[in-house]
Protein backbone atom coordinates (compact mmCIF):
# COMPACT_ATOMS: atom_id res chain seq x y z
CA UNK A 1 34.63 -196.12 51.77
CA UNK A 2 37.26 -193.71 50.26
CA UNK A 3 37.60 -191.30 47.76
CA UNK A 4 39.88 -191.78 44.50
CA UNK A 5 43.51 -191.50 44.65
CA UNK A 6 43.77 -188.71 42.14
CA UNK A 7 45.96 -186.48 43.84
CA UNK A 8 43.96 -183.45 42.74
CA UNK A 9 40.83 -184.81 43.85
CA UNK A 10 42.63 -185.40 47.39
CA UNK A 11 43.64 -181.91 47.59
CA UNK A 12 40.02 -180.78 46.61
CA UNK A 13 38.77 -182.88 49.60
CA UNK A 14 41.33 -181.37 52.04
CA UNK A 15 40.37 -177.89 50.83
CA UNK A 16 37.00 -178.33 51.42
CA UNK A 17 37.36 -178.71 55.29
CA UNK A 18 37.75 -174.97 55.38
CA UNK A 19 35.57 -171.90 54.79
CA UNK A 20 36.20 -170.32 51.35
CA UNK A 21 38.03 -167.37 52.99
CA UNK A 22 40.98 -169.44 53.91
CA UNK A 23 41.49 -171.13 50.25
CA UNK A 24 44.89 -169.09 49.90
CA UNK A 25 46.26 -170.40 53.26
CA UNK A 26 45.11 -173.93 52.73
CA UNK A 27 46.74 -174.09 49.67
CA UNK A 28 49.76 -172.84 50.93
CA UNK A 29 49.68 -175.79 53.44
CA UNK A 30 48.81 -178.30 51.04
CA UNK A 31 51.77 -177.32 48.90
CA UNK A 32 54.20 -178.21 51.23
CA UNK A 33 52.10 -181.28 52.86
CA UNK A 34 53.79 -184.64 51.54
CA UNK A 35 51.51 -186.86 49.17
CA UNK A 36 49.69 -189.94 50.78
CA UNK A 37 49.45 -193.00 49.37
CA UNK A 38 45.80 -193.37 50.58
CA UNK A 39 43.27 -191.06 49.76
CA UNK A 40 41.20 -189.61 52.71
CA UNK A 41 38.21 -191.10 54.00
CA UNK A 42 34.85 -189.81 53.00
CA UNK A 43 34.39 -186.55 54.70
CA UNK A 44 31.73 -185.74 57.31
CA UNK A 45 29.59 -182.14 56.76
CA UNK A 46 28.99 -179.34 59.17
CA UNK A 47 28.28 -175.94 59.18
CA UNK A 48 30.64 -172.95 60.31
CA UNK A 49 29.26 -169.70 60.54
CA UNK A 50 26.40 -170.04 57.87
CA UNK A 51 29.22 -172.06 55.22
CA UNK A 52 29.15 -175.84 54.84
CA UNK A 53 32.38 -177.65 55.03
CA UNK A 54 33.24 -181.24 54.52
CA UNK A 55 35.87 -182.48 56.91
CA UNK A 56 37.94 -185.67 56.18
CA UNK A 57 37.29 -188.60 58.65
CA UNK A 58 40.74 -189.51 58.29
CA UNK A 59 44.17 -188.46 56.52
CA UNK A 60 47.38 -190.70 55.78
CA UNK A 61 49.86 -188.11 54.78
CA UNK A 62 53.43 -188.06 56.50
CA UNK A 63 54.04 -185.16 58.75
CA UNK A 64 56.15 -182.34 57.85
CA UNK A 65 59.62 -181.86 58.38
CA UNK A 66 60.09 -178.94 60.73
CA UNK A 67 62.04 -176.83 58.13
CA UNK A 68 58.66 -176.87 55.87
CA UNK A 69 56.53 -175.68 58.52
CA UNK A 70 58.56 -172.81 59.97
CA UNK A 71 57.84 -170.64 57.00
CA UNK A 72 54.00 -170.82 57.39
CA UNK A 73 52.09 -167.96 59.00
CA UNK A 74 49.72 -168.57 62.19
CA UNK A 75 46.99 -169.24 60.28
CA UNK A 76 48.52 -171.63 57.90
CA UNK A 77 49.77 -173.55 60.80
CA UNK A 78 46.77 -173.79 62.39
CA UNK A 79 45.13 -175.33 59.05
CA UNK A 80 48.23 -177.59 59.00
CA UNK A 81 46.96 -178.89 62.72
CA UNK A 82 43.75 -179.06 62.25
CA UNK A 83 44.26 -181.54 58.92
CA UNK A 84 46.73 -183.79 60.75
CA UNK A 85 44.27 -183.90 63.60
CA UNK A 86 42.30 -186.15 61.26
CA UNK A 87 45.25 -188.54 60.77
CA UNK A 88 44.99 -192.25 61.07
CA UNK A 89 47.56 -192.46 63.82
CA UNK A 90 46.05 -191.07 67.37
CA UNK A 91 49.49 -189.84 68.41
CA UNK A 92 49.96 -187.64 65.60
CA UNK A 93 46.32 -186.69 66.28
CA UNK A 94 47.08 -185.90 69.77
CA UNK A 95 50.16 -183.77 68.99
CA UNK A 96 48.47 -181.46 66.54
CA UNK A 97 45.16 -181.49 68.61
CA UNK A 98 47.31 -179.95 71.39
CA UNK A 99 48.45 -176.90 69.05
CA UNK A 100 44.85 -176.14 67.94
CA UNK A 101 42.54 -176.86 70.95
CA UNK A 102 42.63 -173.27 72.31
CA UNK A 103 42.07 -171.47 69.17
CA UNK A 104 39.11 -168.91 68.95
CA UNK A 105 38.86 -169.50 65.18
CA UNK A 106 35.30 -170.88 64.48
CA UNK A 107 36.17 -173.20 61.98
CA UNK A 108 38.50 -174.85 64.19
CA UNK A 109 35.73 -175.99 66.63
CA UNK A 110 34.28 -178.88 64.59
CA UNK A 111 37.69 -180.65 64.47
CA UNK A 112 37.87 -180.31 68.22
CA UNK A 113 34.36 -181.57 68.76
CA UNK A 114 35.03 -184.44 66.19
CA UNK A 115 37.91 -185.85 68.54
CA UNK A 116 35.77 -185.49 71.44
CA UNK A 117 33.81 -188.12 69.72
CA UNK A 118 36.64 -190.65 69.57
CA UNK A 119 38.13 -193.43 71.34
CA UNK A 120 41.78 -192.31 72.45
CA UNK A 121 41.53 -191.35 76.25
CA UNK A 122 44.63 -189.09 76.13
CA UNK A 123 42.95 -186.79 73.28
CA UNK A 124 39.76 -186.32 75.45
CA UNK A 125 41.84 -185.43 78.45
CA UNK A 126 43.91 -182.89 75.97
CA UNK A 127 40.55 -181.56 74.79
CA UNK A 128 39.47 -181.08 78.67
CA UNK A 129 42.86 -179.11 79.28
CA UNK A 130 42.57 -176.91 76.03
CA UNK A 131 38.79 -175.97 77.01
CA UNK A 132 39.45 -174.89 80.47
CA UNK A 133 37.02 -171.92 79.84
CA UNK A 134 34.25 -174.16 78.39
CA UNK A 135 32.41 -174.56 81.85
CA UNK A 136 32.48 -170.65 82.60
CA UNK A 137 29.26 -169.18 82.19
CA UNK A 138 29.50 -166.18 79.74
CA UNK A 139 33.20 -166.95 78.54
CA UNK A 140 34.08 -166.65 74.57
CA UNK A 141 34.82 -170.12 74.66
CA UNK A 142 31.55 -171.25 75.69
CA UNK A 143 29.91 -168.96 73.22
CA UNK A 144 32.30 -170.35 70.41
CA UNK A 145 31.10 -174.02 71.11
CA UNK A 146 27.38 -173.30 72.18
CA UNK A 147 27.18 -171.68 68.87
CA UNK A 148 28.64 -174.36 66.72
CA UNK A 149 26.53 -177.06 68.41
CA UNK A 150 23.39 -175.10 67.77
CA UNK A 151 24.09 -175.02 64.26
CA UNK A 152 24.84 -178.91 64.13
CA UNK A 153 22.44 -180.82 66.05
CA UNK A 154 22.82 -183.76 64.27
CA UNK A 155 26.40 -183.90 64.36
CA UNK A 156 26.50 -183.27 68.11
CA UNK A 157 24.02 -185.95 68.51
CA UNK A 158 25.95 -188.43 66.49
CA UNK A 159 29.01 -187.37 68.32
CA UNK A 160 27.12 -188.09 71.68
CA UNK A 161 26.30 -191.73 70.39
CA UNK A 162 30.10 -192.46 69.51
CA UNK A 163 31.09 -191.25 73.03
CA UNK A 164 28.79 -193.84 74.82
CA UNK A 165 29.61 -196.55 72.40
CA UNK A 166 33.40 -195.93 72.89
CA UNK A 167 33.30 -195.87 76.71
CA UNK A 168 30.87 -198.88 76.70
CA UNK A 169 33.50 -200.72 74.50
CA UNK A 170 36.91 -199.77 75.84
CA UNK A 171 36.58 -198.03 79.07
CA UNK A 172 33.39 -199.26 81.25
CA UNK A 173 36.13 -201.40 83.29
CA UNK A 174 37.75 -198.11 84.25
CA UNK A 175 34.76 -195.76 84.45
CA UNK A 176 31.50 -197.80 85.65
CA UNK A 177 29.53 -194.91 85.86
CA UNK A 178 29.41 -193.15 82.41
CA UNK A 179 29.29 -189.77 83.70
CA UNK A 180 32.74 -190.10 85.26
CA UNK A 181 34.26 -190.99 82.04
CA UNK A 182 36.22 -187.92 80.36
CA UNK A 183 34.17 -188.29 77.28
CA UNK A 184 30.78 -187.85 79.25
CA UNK A 185 32.50 -184.84 81.37
CA UNK A 186 32.95 -183.02 77.70
CA UNK A 187 29.29 -183.75 76.61
CA UNK A 188 27.89 -182.11 79.75
CA UNK A 189 30.12 -179.17 79.19
CA UNK A 190 29.44 -178.76 75.52
CA UNK A 191 25.49 -179.36 76.24
CA UNK A 192 25.81 -176.52 78.81
CA UNK A 193 27.30 -174.25 76.09
CA UNK A 194 24.77 -174.89 73.89
CA UNK A 195 21.93 -174.48 76.36
CA UNK A 196 23.29 -170.96 77.35
CA UNK A 197 23.26 -169.99 73.58
CA UNK A 198 19.52 -171.10 73.11
CA UNK A 199 18.19 -170.38 76.30
CA UNK A 200 16.83 -173.69 76.99
CA UNK A 201 18.01 -177.01 78.01
CA UNK A 202 19.58 -179.00 75.05
CA UNK A 203 18.24 -182.61 74.63
CA UNK A 204 20.55 -185.81 75.18
CA UNK A 205 21.02 -188.07 72.27
CA UNK A 206 22.23 -191.24 73.85
CA UNK A 207 21.64 -194.83 73.00
CA UNK A 208 19.01 -196.97 74.83
CA UNK A 209 21.74 -199.13 76.69
CA UNK A 210 23.22 -196.37 78.53
CA UNK A 211 20.53 -196.23 80.92
CA UNK A 212 20.82 -199.85 81.69
CA UNK A 213 24.69 -199.32 82.24
CA UNK A 214 24.20 -196.72 84.39
CA UNK A 215 21.78 -198.45 86.69
CA UNK A 216 24.02 -201.48 86.61
CA UNK A 217 26.90 -198.98 87.69
CA UNK A 218 24.97 -197.43 90.28
CA UNK A 219 23.83 -200.91 91.78
CA UNK A 220 27.78 -201.84 92.29
């Protein structure tokens, strides 16, 4: 399902992906982004520090020329990278992910977690490299992601199910045991982060076929 192609409507959709405090920065970014011939795909909602944002599943804008990006501030460039991390082209998503994944801004986190639930293996590997402190107890990065997941349990549960589905569809031949798949490793790190924040184990939300698949992998 897609939203209407009215350019003003599309701009509103993209602006809604960020907290209200970033409104001026987002508008500056949108002013230099090329228009897209296809409207952004219907957004998904998450909570960021008590505020609901709606992030597009995909956008179709061409990338900026380097000269247009140069005048943007650091925050504005981060907004830009977040938006293009939702691009329909996986290579574009990866390039912009690599520029934002290490950020400590809470509003960046849902863009990273959403990508963890997608199918491009190189993107999963880039997330793991960028979140190098996620597995360190007490780290700022672990707290940042743990707090976000605690606020968005349904979103994280959906992400878990998507990780399993993509592994089963595309990567089971390469990673027979789900636990060795980079997406699974990320899920465990995220789960440990939120468990540390809420001081209790965090439940798994994976489809029933996972258990059978794990048993088959263990028996080979």
